[in-house]
Amino acid sequence: MITQISTPHSSAPIAPQARDAEMWTMAKSLEASFLAEMLKSAGLGEARDSFGGGVGEDQFSSLLVDEQSRGIVETGGVGLAEAIYRSLARSAAVK
């Protein structure tokens, strides 16, 4: 599977059938985690005083941010998963 990648430093996306499924899932998960932290840092999911959601809103806002970040990744993301996948593929090819 990994040997099908002819130019490991190429910027062109790797065809889905050429990807190792486990590494691709891991790369997308890492991108989603990164995006969730970015969204939290940007203030998304913070309780607003106008609604007064209290403890329940505080507890579930992180779940909403996590789902939103996974949605971003599933619709194309920001390209981080592709870069992570390429790095993992290169590391696996060296071993």
PDB file of N, CA and C in Angstrom:
ATOM      1  N   MET A   1       0.805  -1.193   0.000  1.00  0.00           N
ATOM      2  CA  MET A   1       0.000   0.000   0.000  1.00  0.00           C
ATOM      3  C   MET A   1       0.852   1.263   0.000  1.00  0.00           C
ATOM      4  N   ILE A   2       1.800   1.341   0.889  1.00  0.00           N
ATOM      5  CA  ILE A   2       2.617   2.535   1.011  1.00  0.00           C
ATOM      6  C   ILE A   2       3.561   2.669  -0.178  1.00  0.00           C
ATOM      7  N   THR A   3       3.957   1.562  -0.774  1.00  0.00           N
ATOM      8  CA  THR A   3       4.889   1.619  -1.895  1.00  0.00           C
ATOM      9  C   THR A   3       4.264   2.251  -3.125  1.00  0.00           C
ATOM     10  N   GLN A   4       2.937   2.448  -3.158  1.00  0.00           N
ATOM     11  CA  GLN A   4       2.275   3.062  -4.292  1.00  0.00           C
ATOM     12  C   GLN A   4       2.500   4.572  -4.339  1.00  0.00           C
ATOM     13  N   ILE A   5       3.011   5.134  -3.288  1.00  0.00           N
ATOM     14  CA  ILE A   5       3.285   6.564  -3.232  1.00  0.00           C
ATOM     15  C   ILE A   5       4.618   6.797  -3.922  1.00  0.00           C
ATOM     16  N   SER A   6       4.572   7.330  -5.126  1.00  0.00           N
ATOM     17  CA  SER A   6       5.789   7.443  -5.907  1.00  0.00           C
ATOM     18  C   SER A   6       6.657   8.627  -5.497  1.00  0.00           C
ATOM     19  N   THR A   7       6.047   9.722  -5.102  1.00  0.00           N
ATOM     20  CA  THR A   7       6.814  10.898  -4.701  1.00  0.00           C
ATOM     21  C   THR A   7       6.351  11.336  -3.317  1.00  0.00           C
ATOM     22  N   PRO A   8       7.051  10.924  -2.251  1.00  0.00           N
ATOM     23  CA  PRO A   8       6.605  11.214  -0.902  1.00  0.00           C
ATOM     24  C   PRO A   8       6.580  12.695  -0.557  1.00  0.00           C
ATOM     25  N   HIS A   9       7.293  13.533  -1.312  1.00  0.00           N
ATOM     26  CA  HIS A   9       7.302  14.960  -1.006  1.00  0.00           C
ATOM     27  C   HIS A   9       6.365  15.744  -1.912  1.00  0.00           C
ATOM     28  N   SER A  10       5.584  15.055  -2.707  1.00  0.00           N
ATOM     29  CA  SER A  10       4.634  15.702  -3.604  1.00  0.00           C
ATOM     30  C   SER A  10       3.527  16.363  -2.797  1.00  0.00           C
ATOM     31  N   SER A  11       2.956  17.433  -3.324  1.00  0.00           N
ATOM     32  CA  SER A  11       1.874  18.110  -2.625  1.00  0.00           C
ATOM     33  C   SER A  11       0.507  17.653  -3.117  1.00  0.00           C
ATOM     34  N   ALA A  12       0.458  16.820  -4.150  1.00  0.00           N
ATOM     35  CA  ALA A  12      -0.806  16.318  -4.666  1.00  0.00           C
ATOM     36  C   ALA A  12      -1.405  15.330  -3.674  1.00  0.00           C
ATOM     37  N   PRO A  13      -2.726  15.381  -3.468  1.00  0.00           N
ATOM     38  CA  PRO A  13      -3.360  14.439  -2.542  1.00  0.00           C
ATOM     39  C   PRO A  13      -3.181  12.998  -3.012  1.00  0.00           C
ATOM     40  N   ILE A  14      -3.086  12.107  -2.062  1.00  0.00           N
ATOM     41  CA  ILE A  14      -2.949  10.689  -2.358  1.00  0.00           C
ATOM     42  C   ILE A  14      -4.333  10.129  -2.645  1.00  0.00           C
ATOM     43  N   ALA A  15      -4.452   9.329  -3.683  1.00  0.00           N
ATOM     44  CA  ALA A  15      -5.738   8.730  -4.042  1.00  0.00           C
ATOM     45  C   ALA A  15      -6.259   7.886  -2.881  1.00  0.00           C
ATOM     46  N   PRO A  16      -7.566   7.971  -2.584  1.00  0.00           N
ATOM     47  CA  PRO A  16      -8.120   7.241  -1.432  1.00  0.00           C
ATOM     48  C   PRO A  16      -7.823   5.744  -1.440  1.00  0.00           C
ATOM     49  N   GLN A  17      -7.834   5.095  -2.601  1.00  0.00           N
ATOM     50  CA  GLN A  17      -7.583   3.662  -2.640  1.00  0.00           C
ATOM     51  C   GLN A  17      -6.125   3.326  -2.347  1.00  0.00           C
ATOM     52  N   ALA A  18      -5.217   4.294  -2.451  1.00  0.00           N
ATOM     53  CA  ALA A  18      -3.802   4.061  -2.180  1.00  0.00           C
ATOM     54  C   ALA A  18      -3.445   4.300  -0.722  1.00  0.00           C
ATOM     55  N   ARG A  19      -4.368   4.815   0.045  1.00  0.00           N
ATOM     56  CA  ARG A  19      -4.088   5.133   1.450  1.00  0.00           C
ATOM     57  C   ARG A  19      -4.249   3.903   2.329  1.00  0.00           C
ATOM     58  N   ASP A  20      -3.436   3.835   3.354  1.00  0.00           N
ATOM     59  CA  ASP A  20      -3.584   2.841   4.397  1.00  0.00           C
ATOM     60  C   ASP A  20      -4.716   3.341   5.306  1.00  0.00           C
ATOM     61  N   ALA A  21      -5.776   2.560   5.437  1.00  0.00           N
ATOM     62  CA  ALA A  21      -6.982   3.002   6.146  1.00  0.00           C
ATOM     63  C   ALA A  21      -6.719   3.378   7.606  1.00  0.00           C
ATOM     64  N   GLU A  22      -5.919   2.597   8.289  1.00  0.00           N
ATOM     65  CA  GLU A  22      -5.660   2.870   9.700  1.00  0.00           C
ATOM     66  C   GLU A  22      -4.878   4.177   9.881  1.00  0.00           C
ATOM     67  N   MET A  23      -3.856   4.384   9.052  1.00  0.00           N
ATOM     68  CA  MET A  23      -3.081   5.626   9.147  1.00  0.00           C
ATOM     69  C   MET A  23      -3.931   6.828   8.759  1.00  0.00           C
ATOM     70  N   TRP A  24      -4.796   6.685   7.763  1.00  0.00           N
ATOM     71  CA  TRP A  24      -5.644   7.791   7.325  1.00  0.00           C
ATOM     72  C   TRP A  24      -6.638   8.158   8.428  1.00  0.00           C
ATOM     73  N   THR A  25      -7.212   7.155   9.089  1.00  0.00           N
ATOM     74  CA  THR A  25      -8.131   7.415  10.202  1.00  0.00           C
ATOM     75  C   THR A  25      -7.417   8.131  11.339  1.00  0.00           C
ATOM     76  N   MET A  26      -6.201   7.711  11.620  1.00  0.00           N
ATOM     77  CA  MET A  26      -5.405   8.338  12.670  1.00  0.00           C
ATOM     78  C   MET A  26      -5.078   9.794  12.314  1.00  0.00           C
ATOM     79  N   ALA A  27      -4.732  10.030  11.073  1.00  0.00           N
ATOM     80  CA  ALA A  27      -4.398  11.386  10.626  1.00  0.00           C
ATOM     81  C   ALA A  27      -5.616  12.303  10.725  1.00  0.00           C
ATOM     82  N   LYS A  28      -6.790  11.802  10.324  1.00  0.00           N
ATOM     83  CA  LYS A  28      -8.010  12.616  10.422  1.00  0.00           C
ATOM     84  C   LYS A  28      -8.372  12.891  11.873  1.00  0.00           C
ATOM     85  N   SER A  29      -8.143  11.922  12.744  1.00  0.00           N
ATOM     86  CA  SER A  29      -8.415  12.105  14.166  1.00  0.00           C
ATOM     87  C   SER A  29      -7.507  13.176  14.770  1.00  0.00           C
ATOM     88  N   LEU A  30      -6.238  13.161  14.375  1.00  0.00           N
ATOM     89  CA  LEU A  30      -5.308  14.186  14.867  1.00  0.00           C
ATOM     90  C   LEU A  30      -5.695  15.580  14.357  1.00  0.00           C
ATOM     91  N   GLU A  31      -6.121  15.671  13.098  1.00  0.00           N
ATOM     92  CA  GLU A  31      -6.560  16.956  12.575  1.00  0.00           C
ATOM     93  C   GLU A  31      -7.794  17.441  13.326  1.00  0.00           C
ATOM     94  N   ALA A  32      -8.731  16.541  13.622  1.00  0.00           N
ATOM     95  CA  ALA A  32      -9.939  16.926  14.357  1.00  0.00           C
ATOM     96  C   ALA A  32      -9.589  17.414  15.764  1.00  0.00           C
ATOM     97  N   SER A  33      -8.646  16.749  16.420  1.00  0.00           N
ATOM     98  CA  SER A  33      -8.225  17.187  17.759  1.00  0.00           C
ATOM     99  C   SER A  33      -7.591  18.568  17.709  1.00  0.00           C
ATOM    100  N   PHE A  34      -6.746  18.779  16.708  1.00  0.00           N
ATOM    101  CA  PHE A  34      -6.107  20.085  16.539  1.00  0.00           C
ATOM    102  C   PHE A  34      -7.157  21.170  16.303  1.00  0.00           C
ATOM    103  N   LEU A  35      -8.112  20.904  15.411  1.00  0.00           N
ATOM    104  CA  LEU A  35      -9.146  21.893  15.115  1.00  0.00           C
ATOM    105  C   LEU A  35     -10.029  22.164  16.332  1.00  0.00           C
ATOM    106  N   ALA A  36     -10.316  21.142  17.131  1.00  0.00           N
ATOM    107  CA  ALA A  36     -11.116  21.335  18.342  1.00  0.00           C
ATOM    108  C   ALA A  36     -10.406  22.291  19.299  1.00  0.00           C
ATOM    109  N   GLU A  37      -9.109  22.105  19.452  1.00  0.00           N
ATOM    110  CA  GLU A  37      -8.355  23.011  20.332  1.00  0.00           C
ATOM    111  C   GLU A  37      -8.335  24.430  19.777  1.00  0.00           C
ATOM    112  N   MET A  38      -8.213  24.557  18.466  1.00  0.00           N
ATOM    113  CA  MET A  38      -8.238  25.885  17.840  1.00  0.00           C
ATOM    114  C   MET A  38      -9.597  26.554  18.044  1.00  0.00           C
ATOM    115  N   LEU A  39     -10.675  25.796  17.869  1.00  0.00           N
ATOM    116  CA  LEU A  39     -12.010  26.351  18.054  1.00  0.00           C
ATOM    117  C   LEU A  39     -12.237  26.762  19.507  1.00  0.00           C
ATOM    118  N   LYS A  40     -11.750  25.948  20.441  1.00  0.00           N
ATOM    119  CA  LYS A  40     -11.888  26.294  21.860  1.00  0.00           C
ATOM    120  C   LYS A  40     -11.099  27.562  22.181  1.00  0.00           C
ATOM    121  N   SER A  41      -9.901  27.674  21.616  1.00  0.00           N
ATOM    122  CA  SER A  41      -9.081  28.872  21.841  1.00  0.00           C
ATOM    123  C   SER A  41      -9.727  30.115  21.242  1.00  0.00           C
ATOM    124  N   ALA A  42     -10.485  29.921  20.175  1.00  0.00           N
ATOM    125  CA  ALA A  42     -11.167  31.042  19.530  1.00  0.00           C
ATOM    126  C   ALA A  42     -12.436  31.445  20.288  1.00  0.00           C
ATOM    127  N   GLY A  43     -12.798  30.667  21.294  1.00  0.00           N
ATOM    128  CA  GLY A  43     -13.957  31.020  22.102  1.00  0.00           C
ATOM    129  C   GLY A  43     -15.234  30.298  21.720  1.00  0.00           C
ATOM    130  N   LEU A  44     -15.188  29.410  20.755  1.00  0.00           N
ATOM    131  CA  LEU A  44     -16.371  28.666  20.370  1.00  0.00           C
ATOM    132  C   LEU A  44     -16.718  27.679  21.479  1.00  0.00           C
ATOM    133  N   GLY A  45     -17.956  27.658  21.878  1.00  0.00           N
ATOM    134  CA  GLY A  45     -18.392  26.752  22.925  1.00  0.00           C
ATOM    135  C   GLY A  45     -18.374  27.358  24.315  1.00  0.00           C
ATOM    136  N   GLU A  46     -17.927  28.595  24.432  1.00  0.00           N
ATOM    137  CA  GLU A  46     -17.952  29.248  25.739  1.00  0.00           C
ATOM    138  C   GLU A  46     -19.382  29.620  26.091  1.00  0.00           C
ATOM    139  N   ALA A  47     -19.718  29.489  27.364  1.00  0.00           N
ATOM    140  CA  ALA A  47     -21.063  29.835  27.828  1.00  0.00           C
ATOM    141  C   ALA A  47     -21.290  31.339  27.676  1.00  0.00           C
ATOM    142  N   ARG A  48     -22.464  31.677  27.216  1.00  0.00           N
ATOM    143  CA  ARG A  48     -22.826  33.081  27.067  1.00  0.00           C
ATOM    144  C   ARG A  48     -23.731  33.492  28.224  1.00  0.00           C
ATOM    145  N   ASP A  49     -23.580  34.689  28.703  1.00  0.00           N
ATOM    146  CA  ASP A  49     -24.368  35.156  29.829  1.00  0.00           C
ATOM    147  C   ASP A  49     -25.848  35.301  29.475  1.00  0.00           C
ATOM    148  N   SER A  50     -26.154  35.559  28.220  1.00  0.00           N
ATOM    149  CA  SER A  50     -27.536  35.823  27.835  1.00  0.00           C
ATOM    150  C   SER A  50     -28.438  34.593  27.961  1.00  0.00           C
ATOM    151  N   PHE A  51     -27.908  33.389  27.805  1.00  0.00           N
ATOM    152  CA  PHE A  51     -28.738  32.193  27.893  1.00  0.00           C
ATOM    153  C   PHE A  51     -28.727  31.596  29.295  1.00  0.00           C
ATOM    154  N   GLY A  52     -27.665  31.794  30.013  1.00  0.00           N
ATOM    155  CA  GLY A  52     -27.584  31.288  31.380  1.00  0.00           C
ATOM    156  C   GLY A  52     -27.709  29.778  31.449  1.00  0.00           C
ATOM    157  N   GLY A  53     -26.998  29.059  30.585  1.00  0.00           N
ATOM    158  CA  GLY A  53     -27.101  27.610  30.507  1.00  0.00           C
ATOM    159  C   GLY A  53     -26.565  26.878  31.715  1.00  0.00           C
ATOM    160  N   GLY A  54     -25.741  27.518  32.498  1.00  0.00           N
ATOM    161  CA  GLY A  54     -25.226  26.918  33.713  1.00  0.00           C
ATOM    162  C   GLY A  54     -24.286  25.751  33.480  1.00  0.00           C
ATOM    163  N   VAL A  55     -24.323  24.813  34.422  1.00  0.00           N
ATOM    164  CA  VAL A  55     -23.403  23.685  34.432  1.00  0.00           C
ATOM    165  C   VAL A  55     -23.618  22.783  33.215  1.00  0.00           C
ATOM    166  N   GLY A  56     -24.849  22.543  32.835  1.00  0.00           N
ATOM    167  CA  GLY A  56     -25.140  21.679  31.691  1.00  0.00           C
ATOM    168  C   GLY A  56     -24.532  22.204  30.407  1.00  0.00           C
ATOM    169  N   GLU A  57     -24.656  23.493  30.193  1.00  0.00           N
ATOM    170  CA  GLU A  57     -24.079  24.091  28.988  1.00  0.00           C
ATOM    171  C   GLU A  57     -22.561  23.980  29.008  1.00  0.00           C
ATOM    172  N   ASP A  58     -21.966  24.199  30.151  1.00  0.00           N
ATOM    173  CA  ASP A  58     -20.513  24.080  30.275  1.00  0.00           C
ATOM    174  C   ASP A  58     -20.039  22.663  29.980  1.00  0.00           C
ATOM    175  N   GLN A  59     -20.773  21.664  30.456  1.00  0.00           N
ATOM    176  CA  GLN A  59     -20.362  20.280  30.281  1.00  0.00           C
ATOM    177  C   GLN A  59     -20.480  19.821  28.833  1.00  0.00           C
ATOM    178  N   PHE A  60     -21.520  20.254  28.142  1.00  0.00           N
ATOM    179  CA  PHE A  60     -21.763  19.741  26.804  1.00  0.00           C
ATOM    180  C   PHE A  60     -21.187  20.601  25.693  1.00  0.00           C
ATOM    181  N   SER A  61     -20.700  21.770  26.010  1.00  0.00           N
ATOM    182  CA  SER A  61     -20.143  22.626  24.965  1.00  0.00           C
ATOM    183  C   SER A  61     -18.889  22.008  24.341  1.00  0.00           C
ATOM    184  N   SER A  62     -18.093  21.303  25.137  1.00  0.00           N
ATOM    185  CA  SER A  62     -16.896  20.670  24.586  1.00  0.00           C
ATOM    186  C   SER A  62     -17.272  19.555  23.610  1.00  0.00           C
ATOM    187  N   LEU A  63     -18.367  18.851  23.871  1.00  0.00           N
ATOM    188  CA  LEU A  63     -18.826  17.811  22.952  1.00  0.00           C
ATOM    189  C   LEU A  63     -19.262  18.419  21.623  1.00  0.00           C
ATOM    190  N   LEU A  64     -19.916  19.573  21.688  1.00  0.00           N
ATOM    191  CA  LEU A  64     -20.330  20.259  20.469  1.00  0.00           C
ATOM    192  C   LEU A  64     -19.120  20.681  19.646  1.00  0.00           C
ATOM    193  N   VAL A  65     -18.119  21.233  20.291  1.00  0.00           N
ATOM    194  CA  VAL A  65     -16.906  21.661  19.590  1.00  0.00           C
ATOM    195  C   VAL A  65     -16.207  20.462  18.962  1.00  0.00           C
ATOM    196  N   ASP A  66     -16.150  19.337  19.678  1.00  0.00           N
ATOM    197  CA  ASP A  66     -15.525  18.130  19.127  1.00  0.00           C
ATOM    198  C   ASP A  66     -16.261  17.650  17.879  1.00  0.00           C
ATOM    199  N   GLU A  67     -17.582  17.647  17.918  1.00  0.00           N
ATOM    200  CA  GLU A  67     -18.365  17.222  16.749  1.00  0.00           C
ATOM    201  C   GLU A  67     -18.205  18.196  15.585  1.00  0.00           C
ATOM    202  N   GLN A  68     -18.146  19.481  15.888  1.00  0.00           N
ATOM    203  CA  GLN A  68     -17.949  20.459  14.823  1.00  0.00           C
ATOM    204  C   GLN A  68     -16.587  20.281  14.166  1.00  0.00           C
ATOM    205  N   SER A  69     -15.567  19.986  14.946  1.00  0.00           N
ATOM    206  CA  SER A  69     -14.229  19.785  14.367  1.00  0.00           C
ATOM    207  C   SER A  69     -14.197  18.511  13.515  1.00  0.00           C
ATOM    208  N   ARG A  70     -14.887  17.451  13.950  1.00  0.00           N
ATOM    209  CA  ARG A  70     -14.951  16.237  13.126  1.00  0.00           C
ATOM    210  C   ARG A  70     -15.690  16.515  11.820  1.00  0.00           C
ATOM    211  N   GLY A  71     -16.745  17.329  11.894  1.00  0.00           N
ATOM    212  CA  GLY A  71     -17.478  17.705  10.684  1.00  0.00           C
ATOM    213  C   GLY A  71     -16.608  18.477   9.711  1.00  0.00           C
ATOM    214  N   ILE A  72     -15.785  19.367  10.229  1.00  0.00           N
ATOM    215  CA  ILE A  72     -14.866  20.131   9.377  1.00  0.00           C
ATOM    216  C   ILE A  72     -13.912  19.180   8.662  1.00  0.00           C
ATOM    217  N   VAL A  73     -13.373  18.208   9.397  1.00  0.00           N
ATOM    218  CA  VAL A  73     -12.428  17.253   8.809  1.00  0.00           C
ATOM    219  C   VAL A  73     -13.121  16.406   7.743  1.00  0.00           C
ATOM    220  N   GLU A  74     -14.329  15.952   8.015  1.00  0.00           N
ATOM    221  CA  GLU A  74     -15.038  15.095   7.061  1.00  0.00           C
ATOM    222  C   GLU A  74     -15.418  15.838   5.780  1.00  0.00           C
ATOM    223  N   THR A  75     -15.524  17.146   5.842  1.00  0.00           N
ATOM    224  CA  THR A  75     -15.856  17.916   4.637  1.00  0.00           C
ATOM    225  C   THR A  75     -14.621  18.492   3.959  1.00  0.00           C
ATOM    226  N   GLY A  76     -13.451  17.984   4.315  1.00  0.00           N
ATOM    227  CA  GLY A  76     -12.235  18.413   3.633  1.00  0.00           C
ATOM    228  C   GLY A  76     -11.181  18.972   4.553  1.00  0.00           C
ATOM    229  N   GLY A  77     -11.573  19.456   5.697  1.00  0.00           N
ATOM    230  CA  GLY A  77     -10.608  19.955   6.671  1.00  0.00           C
ATOM    231  C   GLY A  77      -9.750  21.091   6.156  1.00  0.00           C
ATOM    232  N   VAL A  78      -8.594  21.238   6.756  1.00  0.00           N
ATOM    233  CA  VAL A  78      -7.663  22.301   6.378  1.00  0.00           C
ATOM    234  C   VAL A  78      -6.388  21.744   5.752  1.00  0.00           C
ATOM    235  N   GLY A  79      -6.380  20.442   5.485  1.00  0.00           N
ATOM    236  CA  GLY A  79      -5.225  19.824   4.845  1.00  0.00           C
ATOM    237  C   GLY A  79      -4.207  19.235   5.804  1.00  0.00           C
ATOM    238  N   LEU A  80      -4.445  19.362   7.074  1.00  0.00           N
ATOM    239  CA  LEU A  80      -3.504  18.847   8.059  1.00  0.00           C
ATOM    240  C   LEU A  80      -3.461  17.319   8.050  1.00  0.00           C
ATOM    241  N   ALA A  81      -4.604  16.667   7.863  1.00  0.00           N
ATOM    242  CA  ALA A  81      -4.649  15.201   7.839  1.00  0.00           C
ATOM    243  C   ALA A  81      -3.780  14.655   6.712  1.00  0.00           C
ATOM    244  N   GLU A  82      -3.808  15.311   5.572  1.00  0.00           N
ATOM    245  CA  GLU A  82      -2.990  14.864   4.430  1.00  0.00           C
ATOM    246  C   GLU A  82      -1.506  14.946   4.777  1.00  0.00           C
ATOM    247  N   ALA A  83      -1.090  16.041   5.414  1.00  0.00           N
ATOM    248  CA  ALA A  83       0.312  16.204   5.799  1.00  0.00           C
ATOM    249  C   ALA A  83       0.716  15.175   6.853  1.00  0.00           C
ATOM    250  N   ILE A  84      -0.158  14.928   7.815  1.00  0.00           N
ATOM    251  CA  ILE A  84       0.130  13.934   8.848  1.00  0.00           C
ATOM    252  C   ILE A  84       0.230  12.548   8.217  1.00  0.00           C
ATOM    253  N   TYR A  85      -0.695  12.245   7.314  1.00  0.00           N
ATOM    254  CA  TYR A  85      -0.674  10.940   6.646  1.00  0.00           C
ATOM    255  C   TYR A  85       0.628  10.736   5.873  1.00  0.00           C
ATOM    256  N   ARG A  86       1.052  11.749   5.137  1.00  0.00           N
ATOM    257  CA  ARG A  86       2.297  11.644   4.365  1.00  0.00           C
ATOM    258  C   ARG A  86       3.485  11.382   5.292  1.00  0.00           C
ATOM    259  N   SER A  87       3.500  12.061   6.420  1.00  0.00           N
ATOM    260  CA  SER A  87       4.588  11.866   7.380  1.00  0.00           C
ATOM    261  C   SER A  87       4.569  10.442   7.936  1.00  0.00           C
ATOM    262  N   LEU A  88       3.388   9.944   8.289  1.00  0.00           N
ATOM    263  CA  LEU A  88       3.264   8.577   8.784  1.00  0.00           C
ATOM    264  C   LEU A  88       3.675   7.567   7.715  1.00  0.00           C
ATOM    265  N   ALA A  89       3.259   7.822   6.471  1.00  0.00           N
ATOM    266  CA  ALA A  89       3.599   6.918   5.376  1.00  0.00           C
ATOM    267  C   ALA A  89       5.101   6.865   5.139  1.00  0.00           C
ATOM    268  N   ARG A  90       5.758   8.033   5.199  1.00  0.00           N
ATOM    269  CA  ARG A  90       7.215   8.057   5.048  1.00  0.00           C
ATOM    270  C   ARG A  90       7.895   7.309   6.172  1.00  0.00           C
ATOM    271  N   SER A  91       7.408   7.507   7.404  1.00  0.00           N
ATOM    272  CA  SER A  91       7.991   6.801   8.561  1.00  0.00           C
ATOM    273  C   SER A  91       7.818   5.310   8.447  1.00  0.00           C
ATOM    274  N   ALA A  92       6.662   4.875   7.980  1.00  0.00           N
ATOM    275  CA  ALA A  92       6.397   3.444   7.839  1.00  0.00           C
ATOM    276  C   ALA A  92       7.241   2.842   6.715  1.00  0.00           C
ATOM    277  N   ALA A  93       7.486   3.615   5.666  1.00  0.00           N
ATOM    278  CA  ALA A  93       8.279   3.110   4.542  1.00  0.00           C
ATOM    279  C   ALA A  93       9.744   2.950   4.917  1.00  0.00           C
ATOM    280  N   VAL A  94      10.220   3.753   5.870  1.00  0.00           N
ATOM    281  CA  VAL A  94      11.617   3.701   6.295  1.00  0.00           C
ATOM    282  C   VAL A  94      11.871   2.477   7.146  1.00  0.00           C
ATOM    283  N   LYS A  95      10.884   2.050   7.910  1.00  0.00           N
ATOM    284  CA  LYS A  95      11.071   0.925   8.851  1.00  0.00           C
ATOM    285  C   LYS A  95      11.149  -0.390   8.158  1.00  0.00           C
TER     286      LYS A  95
END
